[in-house]
Each structure stands twice: as C-alpha cells, then as structure tokens.
Amino acid sequence: MKTNLYIVPTPIGNLDDITLRAINVLREVDVVVAEDTRQSSVLLKHLGISKPMVPFHKFNEHKTLSNLINRMQGGEVFALVSDAGTPSISDPGFLLVREALAADLHVECLPGATALIPALVVSGLPSDRFCFEGFLPQKKGRQKRLAMLSQETRTMIFYESPMRIVKALEQFVQFFGAQRKVTVSREISKLHEETLRGTLEEVIAELKSRPSVKGEIVVCVAGLDTKGSHTDEDEE
C-alpha cells in the first residue's frame, strides 16, 4: 500500500539523533509539511536535502487541511515534521492525521525522538507504568486536572515552559505535597543537558537559587505512594 503521509520524528536537540530511515523518507517524499519552515530548513540543510515546504501550525492548521488532503488524494506524498520530536505529541499533527485517515489515505509513523521517554528513563522513578499529561491547561481546567492527578499512582510526565517551571512546581506542592519526588530535565540531548532530582521542595529551592532557567523542560513526578523499589508484579 502506498503511503500518502509519513509522520517523521526529528531530533529534540542533537541533530545526529535522526534515524537513517527518517533521512531516506525526507529524501523521497514530494513535500515536507513543517510546524516552522525556517527551523525545519536548518535540519534539511544539515542533511543535504532540498524539498518544497508547507507551513502547518496551530494558527493555520484548520485553513490548510483540505488543501493538503486534496493534494495527497492527487498523488503527492507528504512528510510531516514538527520543530522537535514526534509530530502530534504536544505538537501540531493530530488534525492532519485524523483527516487523512478519514479520507482513506495511508498514514505511517516512523519511530524516533520524543522528549518524554529519555526524561522518564533517567528520572529513576518507576517507568513500567506512567501517564503523559503534556502541557497542562494554563488557566481553565488546570486546578481540576491537578486535583484528579493527586490520586494518580503512576509516574506522571509533564512538559513545561522554563518561564513557568517554578510556579508550576509550587502548584504541584499544593496538590501532591512538598515531599513528593520529582525530576526536572532540560536541554535533553544538548550540550547543557541536566536533570535535577529530589523532592518538590528541594527542586524548587534549587531552581530559585539560579538567575534563570533555560531550555525545553520535562517534569516527572512520582505517583501517589510510589516506593520506587518494586512494582506490583514483583509482589505476586
């Protein structure tokens, strides 16, 4: 079956993390659909690839959907990329995938980079069961969501802005308690990659002692009553 739309993960930092298969797909498709064509152009230039590009982001995705679907139905093959990581994971892409499938087009997602898995693995928190929350609502629904998550027993993973990270962790204290274990990973795969580990209280104090916090951030929070030394399966 001919693939009409490839979902192509791109490096979250180090450009060498792209897969050989992703490079081959980007070379073979007709058009690259990109969250930010300027940023994706840097990657394509690094790979020595020149392709027509179409912008697809949260401000224009509804307007461009029908045109992209029509072009795929006409025989063009597209690759969807986001600024970093796997499209549709806290990035644009879901709408295009949904509409392509609804139009009976063949969609294929390549395996590849996404920030949440490296952050979870190096957190030292239980990784056999976890829930990914991405970016929490900034205002409406945030308190309700955190109240629900206060009873979550699995490790929880969040994305957060460096400008809001301290405020977010302080809010976590209100719902999870100051002694809940947490890790804050930033600049994953980049030169200044770092993971802070400790209780919410300890990590907040460390971040407040710094003049600024930079880089994309992934937060892992231990689930309720998580011991971190065994899983339910170990007890059976």
Protein backbone atom coordinates (compact mmCIF):
# COMPACT_ATOMS: atom_id res chain seq x y z
CA MET A 1 0.00 0.00 0.00
CA LYS A 2 1.36 3.37 -0.99
CA THR A 3 1.92 5.71 1.95
CA ASN A 4 0.40 9.16 1.45
CA LEU A 5 1.57 10.77 4.69
CA TYR A 6 4.68 9.97 6.70
CA ILE A 7 4.96 11.21 10.29
CA VAL A 8 8.68 11.84 10.73
CA PRO A 9 10.18 12.46 14.19
CA THR A 10 13.06 14.92 14.21
CA PRO A 11 15.85 15.40 16.78
CA ILE A 12 14.92 17.13 20.04
CA GLY A 13 18.39 18.64 20.27
CA ASN A 14 21.36 16.84 18.79
CA LEU A 15 20.87 16.71 15.01
CA ASP A 16 22.74 13.39 14.83
CA ASP A 17 19.83 11.67 16.60
CA ILE A 18 17.76 11.46 13.42
CA THR A 19 17.33 7.93 12.08
CA LEU A 20 18.59 6.69 8.72
CA ARG A 21 15.04 5.78 7.78
CA ALA A 22 13.81 9.29 8.54
CA ILE A 23 16.53 10.72 6.30
CA ASN A 24 15.56 8.37 3.47
CA VAL A 25 11.88 9.27 3.77
CA LEU A 26 12.63 13.00 3.75
CA ARG A 27 14.67 12.48 0.58
CA GLU A 28 11.92 10.54 -1.17
CA VAL A 29 8.72 12.48 -0.36
CA ASP A 30 7.36 15.23 -2.59
CA VAL A 31 6.66 17.82 0.10
CA VAL A 32 7.63 18.44 3.74
CA VAL A 33 4.87 19.82 5.97
CA ALA A 34 6.56 21.67 8.83
CA GLU A 35 5.50 23.36 12.06
CA ASP A 36 8.10 26.07 11.39
CA THR A 37 9.58 26.00 7.89
CA ARG A 38 12.51 28.17 8.99
CA GLN A 39 13.56 25.76 11.71
CA SER A 40 12.97 22.66 9.61
CA SER A 41 15.02 24.22 6.82
CA VAL A 42 18.04 24.15 9.14
CA LEU A 43 17.63 20.40 9.62
CA LEU A 44 17.09 19.71 5.91
CA LYS A 45 20.14 21.78 5.02
CA HIS A 46 22.17 19.84 7.60
CA LEU A 47 21.05 16.63 5.88
CA GLY A 48 21.71 17.98 2.39
CA ILE A 49 18.04 17.71 1.43
CA SER A 50 16.08 20.26 -0.58
CA LYS A 51 12.29 19.91 -0.69
CA PRO A 52 9.24 22.16 -1.14
CA MET A 53 7.85 23.02 2.29
CA VAL A 54 4.38 23.90 3.57
CA PRO A 55 3.80 25.51 7.00
CA PHE A 56 1.40 23.69 9.29
CA HIS A 57 0.96 25.05 12.82
CA LYS A 58 -1.76 25.83 15.35
CA PHE A 59 -2.54 29.17 13.70
CA ASN A 60 -3.22 27.82 10.20
CA GLU A 61 -3.87 24.09 10.50
CA HIS A 62 -7.65 24.34 10.07
CA LYS A 63 -7.27 26.54 6.99
CA THR A 64 -4.73 24.33 5.23
CA LEU A 65 -6.18 20.89 5.99
CA SER A 66 -8.45 20.49 2.98
CA ASN A 67 -5.75 21.62 0.53
CA LEU A 68 -3.24 19.14 1.94
CA ILE A 69 -5.76 16.28 1.84
CA ASN A 70 -6.69 17.13 -1.76
CA ARG A 71 -3.04 17.12 -2.79
CA MET A 72 -2.47 13.73 -1.15
CA GLN A 73 -5.52 12.37 -2.92
CA GLY A 74 -3.97 13.69 -6.11
CA GLY A 75 -0.92 11.52 -5.59
CA GLU A 76 1.59 13.73 -3.79
CA VAL A 77 3.43 12.15 -0.86
CA PHE A 78 3.98 14.26 2.24
CA ALA A 79 6.20 14.09 5.30
CA LEU A 80 5.00 15.84 8.44
CA VAL A 81 7.65 17.17 10.84
CA SER A 82 7.48 19.35 13.93
CA ASP A 83 10.14 21.64 15.37
CA ALA A 84 11.47 18.79 17.50
CA GLY A 85 10.37 15.27 18.39
CA THR A 86 7.35 13.38 17.11
CA PRO A 87 4.54 15.38 15.47
CA SER A 88 1.18 15.28 17.27
CA ILE A 89 2.82 14.70 20.70
CA SER A 90 2.19 18.16 22.19
CA ASP A 91 2.80 19.47 18.67
CA PRO A 92 0.62 20.05 15.58
CA GLY A 93 -0.24 16.94 13.62
CA PHE A 94 -3.29 15.27 15.13
CA LEU A 95 -5.78 17.05 12.86
CA LEU A 96 -3.86 16.19 9.70
CA VAL A 97 -3.54 12.54 10.69
CA ARG A 98 -7.24 12.32 11.59
CA GLU A 99 -8.40 13.89 8.33
CA ALA A 100 -6.02 11.82 6.23
CA LEU A 101 -7.35 8.62 7.80
CA ALA A 102 -10.93 9.83 7.33
CA ALA A 103 -10.15 10.32 3.64
CA ASP A 104 -8.94 6.70 3.48
CA LEU A 105 -5.33 7.76 2.93
CA HIS A 106 -2.46 5.66 4.24
CA VAL A 107 -0.57 7.21 7.16
CA GLU A 108 2.70 5.82 8.51
CA CYS A 109 4.53 7.00 11.63
CA LEU A 110 8.26 6.39 11.89
CA PRO A 111 9.68 5.61 15.34
CA GLY A 112 12.00 8.24 16.71
CA ALA A 113 12.73 11.00 19.14
CA THR A 114 10.36 12.29 21.78
CA ALA A 115 11.49 14.09 24.93
CA LEU A 116 9.27 12.31 27.43
CA ILE A 117 10.93 8.87 27.22
CA PRO A 118 14.57 9.93 27.92
CA ALA A 119 13.33 12.11 30.79
CA LEU A 120 11.36 9.23 32.28
CA VAL A 121 14.20 6.72 31.95
CA VAL A 122 16.79 8.94 33.66
CA SER A 123 14.36 10.09 36.37
CA GLY A 124 14.87 6.97 38.43
CA LEU A 125 11.11 6.90 39.03
CA PRO A 126 9.06 3.79 38.15
CA SER A 127 8.79 3.55 34.37
CA ASP A 128 6.80 0.34 33.96
CA ARG A 129 3.58 2.34 34.25
CA PHE A 130 3.26 6.07 33.60
CA CYS A 131 0.89 8.72 32.29
CA PHE A 132 1.81 11.55 29.95
CA GLU A 133 0.00 14.84 30.56
CA GLY A 134 1.97 17.09 28.20
CA PHE A 135 1.28 20.78 28.81
CA LEU A 136 -1.37 21.34 31.45
CA PRO A 137 -4.04 23.96 30.74
CA GLN A 138 -2.61 27.34 31.69
CA LYS A 139 -5.85 28.61 33.23
CA LYS A 140 -9.25 26.98 32.78
CA GLY A 141 -9.29 23.39 33.94
CA ARG A 142 -5.80 23.37 35.44
CA GLN A 143 -6.86 23.13 39.09
CA LYS A 144 -9.40 20.43 38.32
CA ARG A 145 -6.84 18.40 36.38
CA LEU A 146 -4.26 18.58 39.17
CA ALA A 147 -6.88 17.59 41.74
CA MET A 148 -7.61 14.47 39.68
CA LEU A 149 -3.92 13.70 39.32
CA SER A 150 -3.36 13.97 43.07
CA GLN A 151 -4.69 10.40 43.28
CA GLU A 152 -2.66 9.10 40.32
CA THR A 153 -0.40 6.17 41.35
CA ARG A 154 1.64 6.07 38.13
CA THR A 155 4.63 8.28 37.39
CA MET A 156 3.33 11.49 35.77
CA ILE A 157 5.11 13.31 32.96
CA PHE A 158 4.57 16.96 32.09
CA TYR A 159 6.00 19.47 29.64
CA GLU A 160 6.56 22.98 30.97
CA SER A 161 8.00 26.32 29.90
CA PRO A 162 11.22 27.49 31.60
CA MET A 163 9.45 30.76 32.43
CA ARG A 164 6.69 28.93 34.31
CA ILE A 165 8.55 25.97 35.80
CA VAL A 166 8.92 27.31 39.36
CA LYS A 167 5.30 28.43 39.51
CA ALA A 168 4.18 25.06 38.18
CA LEU A 169 6.19 23.14 40.78
CA GLU A 170 4.84 25.36 43.55
CA GLN A 171 1.36 24.50 42.34
CA PHE A 172 2.27 20.81 42.37
CA VAL A 173 3.14 21.18 46.05
CA GLN A 174 -0.45 22.24 46.75
CA PHE A 175 -1.82 19.04 45.22
CA PHE A 176 0.99 16.47 45.63
CA GLY A 177 2.75 17.65 48.80
CA ALA A 178 6.20 19.18 49.27
CA GLN A 179 7.89 15.80 49.80
CA ARG A 180 6.71 14.20 46.54
CA LYS A 181 9.67 13.02 44.45
CA VAL A 182 10.23 14.91 41.20
CA THR A 183 12.76 15.33 38.42
CA VAL A 184 13.21 18.29 36.11
CA SER A 185 15.05 17.51 32.88
CA ARG A 186 16.10 20.22 30.47
CA GLU A 187 18.10 20.54 27.25
CA ILE A 188 17.77 16.80 26.59
CA SER A 189 20.43 15.57 24.12
CA LYS A 190 22.04 19.02 24.01
CA LEU A 191 25.38 20.26 25.35
CA HIS A 192 23.96 21.52 28.67
CA GLU A 193 21.62 18.59 29.35
CA GLU A 194 20.71 18.36 33.03
CA THR A 195 18.31 16.53 35.33
CA LEU A 196 17.51 17.80 38.83
CA ARG A 197 16.23 15.17 41.27
CA GLY A 198 14.72 15.42 44.73
CA THR A 199 11.52 16.37 46.48
CA LEU A 200 9.37 19.15 45.07
CA GLU A 201 10.59 21.35 47.93
CA GLU A 202 14.26 20.64 47.16
CA VAL A 203 14.00 21.13 43.40
CA ILE A 204 12.06 24.39 43.80
CA ALA A 205 14.78 25.70 46.13
CA GLU A 206 17.48 24.78 43.61
CA LEU A 207 15.69 26.46 40.70
CA LYS A 208 15.02 29.60 42.76
CA SER A 209 18.74 29.87 43.53
CA ARG A 210 19.53 30.26 39.83
CA PRO A 211 19.40 33.57 37.97
CA SER A 212 17.39 31.95 35.17
CA VAL A 213 16.25 28.62 33.77
CA LYS A 214 16.64 27.88 30.07
CA GLY A 215 15.71 25.14 27.65
CA GLU A 216 12.78 22.85 26.99
CA ILE A 217 11.68 21.13 30.19
CA VAL A 218 10.21 17.74 31.04
CA VAL A 219 8.95 17.14 34.59
CA CYS A 220 8.48 13.65 36.04
CA VAL A 221 6.51 13.36 39.28
CA ALA A 222 6.24 10.19 41.36
CA GLY A 223 2.76 8.75 41.67
CA LEU A 224 0.89 8.57 44.95
CA ASP A 225 2.54 6.16 47.42
CA THR A 226 5.12 5.09 44.85
CA LYS A 227 8.07 3.40 46.59
CA GLY A 228 10.33 3.27 43.53
CA SER A 229 11.89 -0.05 44.57
CA HIS A 230 9.39 -2.56 43.18
CA THR A 231 6.35 -2.97 41.00
CA ASP A 232 3.05 -4.71 41.62
CA GLU A 233 4.27 -7.64 39.53
CA ASP A 234 7.22 -8.13 41.91
CA GLU A 235 4.79 -8.72 44.79
CA GLU A 236 2.89 -11.51 43.04
